[in-house]
Amino acid sequence: MLGIMLLIFLSACMGHKTDGDLPLIKETDHARFYSPDVNADKEKAVTKLAEAFEAHYIRIVKLFQLDSTDKTIVHVYTNKADFQKMIGRNTEGTYVASENIIKVYTPESLNTPGVEDAFTDQIVHEFVHAVIQQINPDIGKTKWLDEGIAYYTSNQLQKELQARSLFLDIPTLEQLASPDYFNLEGGEAYFYSGLIIQYIVDKYGEDTLNEIIRNPEQNQFERIMQTTIDKFYEEWKGDLQKNQ
């Protein structure tokens, strides 16, 4: 009995010091960041991720009307090969809905401005996935919607638009509906999906986007937008070509 009580006491004292085998590196108001192989450089990198996360947290939960008191769990890995082997695909970040955990690869050092921007944007991008998939897990079945919302809301789209104004090889509706398009085209798929979300927000408003998130099926999308998906696509494409 004394041994059992001692274990309970020790567990209480440990709190959230580990998540599985991963030690806690950083805790903020709204998240806990865990990572293997603690060292000074990694702690600095995780701190930068945490600062970026907190800088966007309130904006994102308010935008998507999420009511949650749970802290977001983030696992940060600095060995890219091991990370991708664990995830099972070529990626640098993912939200694992079944575990409710964000998992990201990040270099140990984020001292280069361009590198820092890329990986702090990534943590915000994955947090958007976490938020909208907690609201409606089915959002992940519509790739352009899921990735477009994350790319737009993380401000990655706005940064890319500062460097480009020509829209070439606009994807077809069939391409946007195919996960293979994202695997083959990479950044272009995210860019054009983000442009669609920007178009929805600018023309129809944030409340409409929230309604779509909660009702992403095509028939519901068409009901909300009061048009067919084909006509919506042609309107978006025409607007894009007109403004370039």
C-alpha atoms as a PDB file:
ATOM      1  CA  MET A   1       0.000   0.000   0.000  1.00  0.00           C
ATOM      2  CA  LEU A   2       2.833   2.389   0.871  1.00  0.00           C
ATOM      3  CA  GLY A   3       4.492   1.640  -2.481  1.00  0.00           C
ATOM      4  CA  ILE A   4       1.286   2.367  -4.399  1.00  0.00           C
ATOM      5  CA  MET A   5       0.802   5.662  -2.549  1.00  0.00           C
ATOM      6  CA  LEU A   6       4.399   6.629  -3.344  1.00  0.00           C
ATOM      7  CA  LEU A   7       3.861   5.960  -7.066  1.00  0.00           C
ATOM      8  CA  ILE A   8       0.705   8.074  -7.053  1.00  0.00           C
ATOM      9  CA  PHE A   9       2.573  10.888  -5.315  1.00  0.00           C
ATOM     10  CA  LEU A  10       5.467  10.744  -7.774  1.00  0.00           C
ATOM     11  CA  SER A  11       3.094  10.740 -10.744  1.00  0.00           C
ATOM     12  CA  ALA A  12       1.329  13.804  -9.405  1.00  0.00           C
ATOM     13  CA  CYS A  13       4.635  15.597  -8.949  1.00  0.00           C
ATOM     14  CA  MET A  14       5.697  14.756 -12.493  1.00  0.00           C
ATOM     15  CA  GLY A  15       2.566  16.419 -13.954  1.00  0.00           C
ATOM     16  CA  HIS A  16       3.089  16.842 -17.681  1.00  0.00           C
ATOM     17  CA  LYS A  17       6.880  16.447 -17.628  1.00  0.00           C
ATOM     18  CA  THR A  18       6.697  13.777 -20.312  1.00  0.00           C
ATOM     19  CA  ASP A  19       4.327  12.662 -23.075  1.00  0.00           C
ATOM     20  CA  GLY A  20       5.088   9.021 -23.662  1.00  0.00           C
ATOM     21  CA  ASP A  21       8.875   8.926 -23.965  1.00  0.00           C
ATOM     22  CA  LEU A  22       9.197  12.612 -24.864  1.00  0.00           C
ATOM     23  CA  PRO A  23      10.230  15.145 -22.212  1.00  0.00           C
ATOM     24  CA  LEU A  24       8.431  18.461 -21.879  1.00  0.00           C
ATOM     25  CA  ILE A  25      10.553  21.260 -23.366  1.00  0.00           C
ATOM     26  CA  LYS A  26       8.213  24.251 -23.219  1.00  0.00           C
ATOM     27  CA  GLU A  27       4.783  24.974 -21.778  1.00  0.00           C
ATOM     28  CA  THR A  28       2.824  28.076 -22.744  1.00  0.00           C
ATOM     29  CA  ASP A  29      -0.648  29.382 -21.942  1.00  0.00           C
ATOM     30  CA  HIS A  30      -2.229  27.193 -24.609  1.00  0.00           C
ATOM     31  CA  ALA A  31       0.225  24.429 -25.528  1.00  0.00           C
ATOM     32  CA  ARG A  32       2.811  21.914 -24.358  1.00  0.00           C
ATOM     33  CA  PHE A  33       5.838  21.203 -26.542  1.00  0.00           C
ATOM     34  CA  TYR A  34       7.642  17.871 -26.180  1.00  0.00           C
ATOM     35  CA  SER A  35      10.810  16.721 -27.918  1.00  0.00           C
ATOM     36  CA  PRO A  36      13.471  13.994 -27.617  1.00  0.00           C
ATOM     37  CA  ASP A  37      17.176  14.670 -27.036  1.00  0.00           C
ATOM     38  CA  VAL A  38      17.013  17.950 -25.158  1.00  0.00           C
ATOM     39  CA  ASN A  39      19.828  20.442 -25.758  1.00  0.00           C
ATOM     40  CA  ALA A  40      20.257  24.224 -25.708  1.00  0.00           C
ATOM     41  CA  ASP A  41      19.793  24.748 -29.462  1.00  0.00           C
ATOM     42  CA  LYS A  42      16.661  22.628 -29.543  1.00  0.00           C
ATOM     43  CA  GLU A  43      15.207  24.517 -26.594  1.00  0.00           C
ATOM     44  CA  LYS A  44      15.763  27.791 -28.482  1.00  0.00           C
ATOM     45  CA  ALA A  45      14.092  26.377 -31.599  1.00  0.00           C
ATOM     46  CA  VAL A  46      11.110  25.065 -29.619  1.00  0.00           C
ATOM     47  CA  THR A  47      10.804  28.431 -27.867  1.00  0.00           C
ATOM     48  CA  LYS A  48      10.524  30.157 -31.251  1.00  0.00           C
ATOM     49  CA  LEU A  49       7.823  27.704 -32.317  1.00  0.00           C
ATOM     50  CA  ALA A  50       5.984  28.313 -29.057  1.00  0.00           C
ATOM     51  CA  GLU A  51       6.153  32.087 -29.484  1.00  0.00           C
ATOM     52  CA  ALA A  52       4.735  31.835 -33.006  1.00  0.00           C
ATOM     53  CA  PHE A  53       1.976  29.504 -31.796  1.00  0.00           C
ATOM     54  CA  GLU A  54       0.913  31.881 -29.027  1.00  0.00           C
ATOM     55  CA  ALA A  55       1.079  34.916 -31.329  1.00  0.00           C
ATOM     56  CA  HIS A  56      -1.664  33.395 -33.522  1.00  0.00           C
ATOM     57  CA  TYR A  57      -3.629  31.297 -31.047  1.00  0.00           C
ATOM     58  CA  ILE A  58      -6.362  33.773 -30.061  1.00  0.00           C
ATOM     59  CA  ARG A  59      -6.889  34.967 -33.641  1.00  0.00           C
ATOM     60  CA  ILE A  60      -7.358  31.419 -34.935  1.00  0.00           C
ATOM     61  CA  VAL A  61      -9.684  30.077 -32.224  1.00  0.00           C
ATOM     62  CA  LYS A  62     -11.834  33.208 -32.506  1.00  0.00           C
ATOM     63  CA  LEU A  63     -11.945  32.979 -36.305  1.00  0.00           C
ATOM     64  CA  PHE A  64     -13.184  29.402 -36.209  1.00  0.00           C
ATOM     65  CA  GLN A  65     -15.308  29.814 -33.075  1.00  0.00           C
ATOM     66  CA  LEU A  66     -13.593  26.982 -31.214  1.00  0.00           C
ATOM     67  CA  ASP A  67     -14.429  26.673 -27.540  1.00  0.00           C
ATOM     68  CA  SER A  68     -11.772  24.538 -25.881  1.00  0.00           C
ATOM     69  CA  THR A  69      -9.820  24.727 -22.637  1.00  0.00           C
ATOM     70  CA  ASP A  70      -7.471  21.847 -23.474  1.00  0.00           C
ATOM     71  CA  LYS A  71      -3.861  22.667 -24.195  1.00  0.00           C
ATOM     72  CA  THR A  72      -2.554  21.723 -27.623  1.00  0.00           C
ATOM     73  CA  ILE A  73       0.067  18.972 -27.595  1.00  0.00           C
ATOM     74  CA  VAL A  74       3.010  19.397 -29.981  1.00  0.00           C
ATOM     75  CA  HIS A  75       5.800  16.887 -30.622  1.00  0.00           C
ATOM     76  CA  VAL A  76       8.930  18.417 -32.174  1.00  0.00           C
ATOM     77  CA  TYR A  77      11.559  16.254 -33.911  1.00  0.00           C
ATOM     78  CA  THR A  78      14.905  17.413 -35.282  1.00  0.00           C
ATOM     79  CA  ASN A  79      15.924  14.266 -37.193  1.00  0.00           C
ATOM     80  CA  LYS A  80      14.109  14.561 -40.514  1.00  0.00           C
ATOM     81  CA  ALA A  81      14.716  11.006 -41.710  1.00  0.00           C
ATOM     82  CA  ASP A  82      13.473   9.504 -38.452  1.00  0.00           C
ATOM     83  CA  PHE A  83      10.479  11.848 -38.424  1.00  0.00           C
ATOM     84  CA  GLN A  84       9.377  10.931 -41.936  1.00  0.00           C
ATOM     85  CA  LYS A  85       9.897   7.229 -41.253  1.00  0.00           C
ATOM     86  CA  MET A  86       7.688   7.552 -38.189  1.00  0.00           C
ATOM     87  CA  ILE A  87       4.992   9.498 -40.063  1.00  0.00           C
ATOM     88  CA  GLY A  88       5.223   7.264 -43.116  1.00  0.00           C
ATOM     89  CA  ARG A  89       5.377   9.953 -45.784  1.00  0.00           C
ATOM     90  CA  ASN A  90       7.449  12.840 -47.081  1.00  0.00           C
ATOM     91  CA  THR A  91       6.286  15.711 -44.910  1.00  0.00           C
ATOM     92  CA  GLU A  92       7.633  18.142 -42.339  1.00  0.00           C
ATOM     93  CA  GLY A  93       4.481  18.499 -40.302  1.00  0.00           C
ATOM     94  CA  THR A  94       1.161  16.829 -39.620  1.00  0.00           C
ATOM     95  CA  TYR A  95      -1.791  16.848 -37.265  1.00  0.00           C
ATOM     96  CA  VAL A  96      -2.589  13.324 -36.093  1.00  0.00           C
ATOM     97  CA  ALA A  97      -6.310  13.513 -35.442  1.00  0.00           C
ATOM     98  CA  SER A  98      -6.537  10.079 -33.796  1.00  0.00           C
ATOM     99  CA  GLU A  99      -4.044  11.214 -31.142  1.00  0.00           C
ATOM    100  CA  ASN A 100      -4.973  14.918 -31.158  1.00  0.00           C
ATOM    101  CA  ILE A 101      -1.265  15.755 -31.462  1.00  0.00           C
ATOM    102  CA  ILE A 102       0.629  18.065 -33.799  1.00  0.00           C
ATOM    103  CA  LYS A 103       3.894  16.474 -34.945  1.00  0.00           C
ATOM    104  CA  VAL A 104       6.528  18.532 -36.743  1.00  0.00           C
ATOM    105  CA  TYR A 105      10.092  18.304 -37.965  1.00  0.00           C
ATOM    106  CA  THR A 106      12.187  21.372 -37.189  1.00  0.00           C
ATOM    107  CA  PRO A 107      15.940  21.931 -37.604  1.00  0.00           C
ATOM    108  CA  GLU A 108      17.797  22.274 -34.320  1.00  0.00           C
ATOM    109  CA  SER A 109      18.778  25.818 -35.261  1.00  0.00           C
ATOM    110  CA  LEU A 110      16.320  28.412 -36.585  1.00  0.00           C
ATOM    111  CA  ASN A 111      18.839  31.243 -36.618  1.00  0.00           C
ATOM    112  CA  THR A 112      18.503  31.944 -40.353  1.00  0.00           C
ATOM    113  CA  PRO A 113      15.513  34.307 -40.923  1.00  0.00           C
ATOM    114  CA  GLY A 114      14.154  32.412 -43.927  1.00  0.00           C
ATOM    115  CA  VAL A 115      14.401  29.093 -42.115  1.00  0.00           C
ATOM    116  CA  GLU A 116      12.786  30.522 -38.993  1.00  0.00           C
ATOM    117  CA  ASP A 117       9.859  31.918 -40.991  1.00  0.00           C
ATOM    118  CA  ALA A 118       9.275  28.622 -42.779  1.00  0.00           C
ATOM    119  CA  PHE A 119       9.103  26.530 -39.623  1.00  0.00           C
ATOM    120  CA  THR A 120       7.232  28.999 -37.434  1.00  0.00           C
ATOM    121  CA  ASP A 121       4.664  29.304 -40.246  1.00  0.00           C
ATOM    122  CA  GLN A 122       4.481  25.524 -40.278  1.00  0.00           C
ATOM    123  CA  ILE A 123       3.475  25.233 -36.630  1.00  0.00           C
ATOM    124  CA  VAL A 124       0.687  27.759 -37.200  1.00  0.00           C
ATOM    125  CA  HIS A 125      -0.402  25.859 -40.333  1.00  0.00           C
ATOM    126  CA  GLU A 126      -0.650  22.585 -38.407  1.00  0.00           C
ATOM    127  CA  PHE A 127      -2.521  24.268 -35.568  1.00  0.00           C
ATOM    128  CA  VAL A 128      -5.151  25.417 -38.065  1.00  0.00           C
ATOM    129  CA  HIS A 129      -5.543  21.786 -39.144  1.00  0.00           C
ATOM    130  CA  ALA A 130      -5.935  20.799 -35.503  1.00  0.00           C
ATOM    131  CA  VAL A 131      -8.633  23.404 -34.914  1.00  0.00           C
ATOM    132  CA  ILE A 132     -10.774  22.759 -37.987  1.00  0.00           C
ATOM    133  CA  GLN A 133     -10.487  18.974 -37.702  1.00  0.00           C
ATOM    134  CA  GLN A 134     -11.531  19.137 -34.063  1.00  0.00           C
ATOM    135  CA  ILE A 135     -14.588  21.091 -35.196  1.00  0.00           C
ATOM    136  CA  ASN A 136     -15.337  18.590 -37.968  1.00  0.00           C
ATOM    137  CA  PRO A 137     -13.092  15.572 -38.642  1.00  0.00           C
ATOM    138  CA  ASP A 138     -14.674  15.183 -42.103  1.00  0.00           C
ATOM    139  CA  ILE A 139     -12.919  18.356 -43.274  1.00  0.00           C
ATOM    140  CA  GLY A 140      -9.819  16.229 -43.886  1.00  0.00           C
ATOM    141  CA  LYS A 141     -11.647  14.320 -46.633  1.00  0.00           C
ATOM    142  CA  THR A 142     -11.759  17.440 -48.838  1.00  0.00           C
ATOM    143  CA  LYS A 143      -8.078  18.115 -49.477  1.00  0.00           C
ATOM    144  CA  TRP A 144      -8.297  21.537 -51.143  1.00  0.00           C
ATOM    145  CA  LEU A 145     -10.563  22.803 -48.364  1.00  0.00           C
ATOM    146  CA  ASP A 146      -8.467  21.420 -45.511  1.00  0.00           C
ATOM    147  CA  GLU A 147      -5.113  22.566 -46.913  1.00  0.00           C
ATOM    148  CA  GLY A 148      -6.457  25.789 -48.379  1.00  0.00           C
ATOM    149  CA  ILE A 149      -7.846  26.919 -45.021  1.00  0.00           C
ATOM    150  CA  ALA A 150      -4.541  26.130 -43.289  1.00  0.00           C
ATOM    151  CA  TYR A 151      -2.448  27.882 -45.957  1.00  0.00           C
ATOM    152  CA  TYR A 152      -4.689  30.956 -45.935  1.00  0.00           C
ATOM    153  CA  THR A 153      -5.144  31.261 -42.163  1.00  0.00           C
ATOM    154  CA  SER A 154      -1.459  30.757 -41.355  1.00  0.00           C
ATOM    155  CA  ASN A 155      -0.688  33.793 -43.580  1.00  0.00           C
ATOM    156  CA  GLN A 156       1.513  31.637 -45.820  1.00  0.00           C
ATOM    157  CA  LEU A 157      -0.656  32.621 -48.788  1.00  0.00           C
ATOM    158  CA  GLN A 158      -0.299  36.335 -48.081  1.00  0.00           C
ATOM    159  CA  LYS A 159       3.478  36.023 -47.894  1.00  0.00           C
ATOM    160  CA  GLU A 160       3.600  34.164 -51.198  1.00  0.00           C
ATOM    161  CA  LEU A 161       1.382  36.747 -52.879  1.00  0.00           C
ATOM    162  CA  GLN A 162       3.964  39.397 -52.019  1.00  0.00           C
ATOM    163  CA  ALA A 163       6.391  37.621 -54.316  1.00  0.00           C
ATOM    164  CA  ARG A 164       4.091  36.613 -57.199  1.00  0.00           C
ATOM    165  CA  SER A 165       1.184  38.079 -59.124  1.00  0.00           C
ATOM    166  CA  LEU A 166       0.898  35.785 -62.161  1.00  0.00           C
ATOM    167  CA  PHE A 167      -1.329  32.746 -61.967  1.00  0.00           C
ATOM    168  CA  LEU A 168      -0.225  30.158 -64.498  1.00  0.00           C
ATOM    169  CA  ASP A 169      -1.373  26.551 -64.810  1.00  0.00           C
ATOM    170  CA  ILE A 170      -4.468  27.079 -62.692  1.00  0.00           C
ATOM    171  CA  PRO A 171      -5.570  23.607 -61.577  1.00  0.00           C
ATOM    172  CA  THR A 172      -8.813  22.112 -62.799  1.00  0.00           C
ATOM    173  CA  LEU A 173     -11.633  21.251 -60.441  1.00  0.00           C
ATOM    174  CA  GLU A 174     -10.753  17.577 -60.914  1.00  0.00           C
ATOM    175  CA  GLN A 175      -7.157  18.220 -59.882  1.00  0.00           C
ATOM    176  CA  LEU A 176      -8.207  20.099 -56.759  1.00  0.00           C
ATOM    177  CA  ALA A 177     -10.417  17.186 -55.767  1.00  0.00           C
ATOM    178  CA  SER A 178      -7.546  14.688 -56.063  1.00  0.00           C
ATOM    179  CA  PRO A 179      -5.040  14.037 -53.243  1.00  0.00           C
ATOM    180  CA  ASP A 180      -2.570  13.021 -55.965  1.00  0.00           C
ATOM    181  CA  TYR A 181      -2.474  16.632 -57.166  1.00  0.00           C
ATOM    182  CA  PHE A 182      -1.083  17.702 -53.806  1.00  0.00           C
ATOM    183  CA  ASN A 183       1.496  14.906 -53.844  1.00  0.00           C
ATOM    184  CA  LEU A 184       2.645  15.781 -57.360  1.00  0.00           C
ATOM    185  CA  GLU A 185       2.489  19.571 -57.367  1.00  0.00           C
ATOM    186  CA  GLY A 186       3.359  20.373 -53.767  1.00  0.00           C
ATOM    187  CA  GLY A 187       3.427  24.113 -53.147  1.00  0.00           C
ATOM    188  CA  GLU A 188       1.290  25.022 -56.153  1.00  0.00           C
ATOM    189  CA  ALA A 189      -1.569  22.905 -54.824  1.00  0.00           C
ATOM    190  CA  TYR A 190      -1.453  24.675 -51.458  1.00  0.00           C
ATOM    191  CA  PHE A 191      -1.173  28.084 -53.130  1.00  0.00           C
ATOM    192  CA  TYR A 192      -4.249  27.711 -55.338  1.00  0.00           C
ATOM    193  CA  SER A 193      -6.272  26.079 -52.578  1.00  0.00           C
ATOM    194  CA  GLY A 194      -5.418  29.036 -50.360  1.00  0.00           C
ATOM    195  CA  LEU A 195      -6.553  31.415 -53.092  1.00  0.00           C
ATOM    196  CA  ILE A 196      -9.949  29.714 -53.157  1.00  0.00           C
ATOM    197  CA  ILE A 197     -10.332  30.210 -49.413  1.00  0.00           C
ATOM    198  CA  GLN A 198      -9.290  33.846 -49.724  1.00  0.00           C
ATOM    199  CA  TYR A 199     -11.955  34.279 -52.415  1.00  0.00           C
ATOM    200  CA  ILE A 200     -14.627  32.744 -50.167  1.00  0.00           C
ATOM    201  CA  VAL A 201     -13.705  34.972 -47.216  1.00  0.00           C
ATOM    202  CA  ASP A 202     -13.437  38.154 -49.311  1.00  0.00           C
ATOM    203  CA  LYS A 203     -16.691  37.622 -51.214  1.00  0.00           C
ATOM    204  CA  TYR A 204     -18.867  35.702 -48.766  1.00  0.00           C
ATOM    205  CA  GLY A 205     -17.343  36.357 -45.337  1.00  0.00           C
ATOM    206  CA  GLU A 206     -15.864  34.419 -42.421  1.00  0.00           C
ATOM    207  CA  ASP A 207     -19.257  33.169 -41.227  1.00  0.00           C
ATOM    208  CA  THR A 208     -19.763  31.449 -44.572  1.00  0.00           C
ATOM    209  CA  LEU A 209     -16.361  29.791 -44.293  1.00  0.00           C
ATOM    210  CA  ASN A 210     -17.260  28.553 -40.810  1.00  0.00           C
ATOM    211  CA  GLU A 211     -20.529  27.122 -42.114  1.00  0.00           C
ATOM    212  CA  ILE A 212     -18.644  25.297 -44.878  1.00  0.00           C
ATOM    213  CA  ILE A 213     -16.210  23.825 -42.337  1.00  0.00           C
ATOM    214  CA  ARG A 214     -19.136  22.406 -40.415  1.00  0.00           C
ATOM    215  CA  ASN A 215     -20.843  21.201 -43.627  1.00  0.00           C
ATOM    216  CA  PRO A 216     -18.097  20.370 -46.159  1.00  0.00           C
ATOM    217  CA  GLU A 217     -20.041  17.857 -48.273  1.00  0.00           C
ATOM    218  CA  GLN A 218     -20.542  18.978 -51.869  1.00  0.00           C
ATOM    219  CA  ASN A 219     -24.330  19.198 -51.634  1.00  0.00           C
ATOM    220  CA  GLN A 220     -24.023  21.276 -48.462  1.00  0.00           C
ATOM    221  CA  PHE A 221     -21.332  23.466 -50.030  1.00  0.00           C
ATOM    222  CA  GLU A 222     -23.634  24.163 -52.967  1.00  0.00           C
ATOM    223  CA  ARG A 223     -26.513  24.944 -50.599  1.00  0.00           C
ATOM    224  CA  ILE A 224     -24.393  27.395 -48.621  1.00  0.00           C
ATOM    225  CA  MET A 225     -22.923  29.056 -51.715  1.00  0.00           C
ATOM    226  CA  GLN A 226     -26.259  28.905 -53.573  1.00  0.00           C
ATOM    227  CA  THR A 227     -24.564  27.695 -56.732  1.00  0.00           C
ATOM    228  CA  THR A 228     -23.078  24.510 -58.136  1.00  0.00           C
ATOM    229  CA  ILE A 229     -19.464  23.601 -57.446  1.00  0.00           C
ATOM    230  CA  ASP A 230     -18.729  23.944 -61.189  1.00  0.00           C
ATOM    231  CA  LYS A 231     -20.151  27.457 -61.383  1.00  0.00           C
ATOM    232  CA  PHE A 232     -18.339  28.449 -58.190  1.00  0.00           C
ATOM    233  CA  TYR A 233     -15.056  27.191 -59.633  1.00  0.00           C
ATOM    234  CA  GLU A 234     -15.556  29.135 -62.871  1.00  0.00           C
ATOM    235  CA  GLU A 235     -16.379  32.317 -60.920  1.00  0.00           C
ATOM    236  CA  TRP A 236     -13.243  31.918 -58.800  1.00  0.00           C
ATOM    237  CA  LYS A 237     -11.055  31.200 -61.816  1.00  0.00           C
ATOM    238  CA  GLY A 238     -12.479  34.175 -63.736  1.00  0.00           C
ATOM    239  CA  ASP A 239     -11.893  36.486 -60.788  1.00  0.00           C
ATOM    240  CA  LEU A 240      -8.325  35.222 -60.453  1.00  0.00           C
ATOM    241  CA  GLN A 241      -7.513  35.804 -64.108  1.00  0.00           C
ATOM    242  CA  LYS A 242      -9.158  39.218 -64.090  1.00  0.00           C
ATOM    243  CA  ASN A 243      -7.062  40.472 -61.185  1.00  0.00           C
ATOM    244  CA  GLN A 244      -3.608  39.289 -62.250  1.00  0.00           C
END
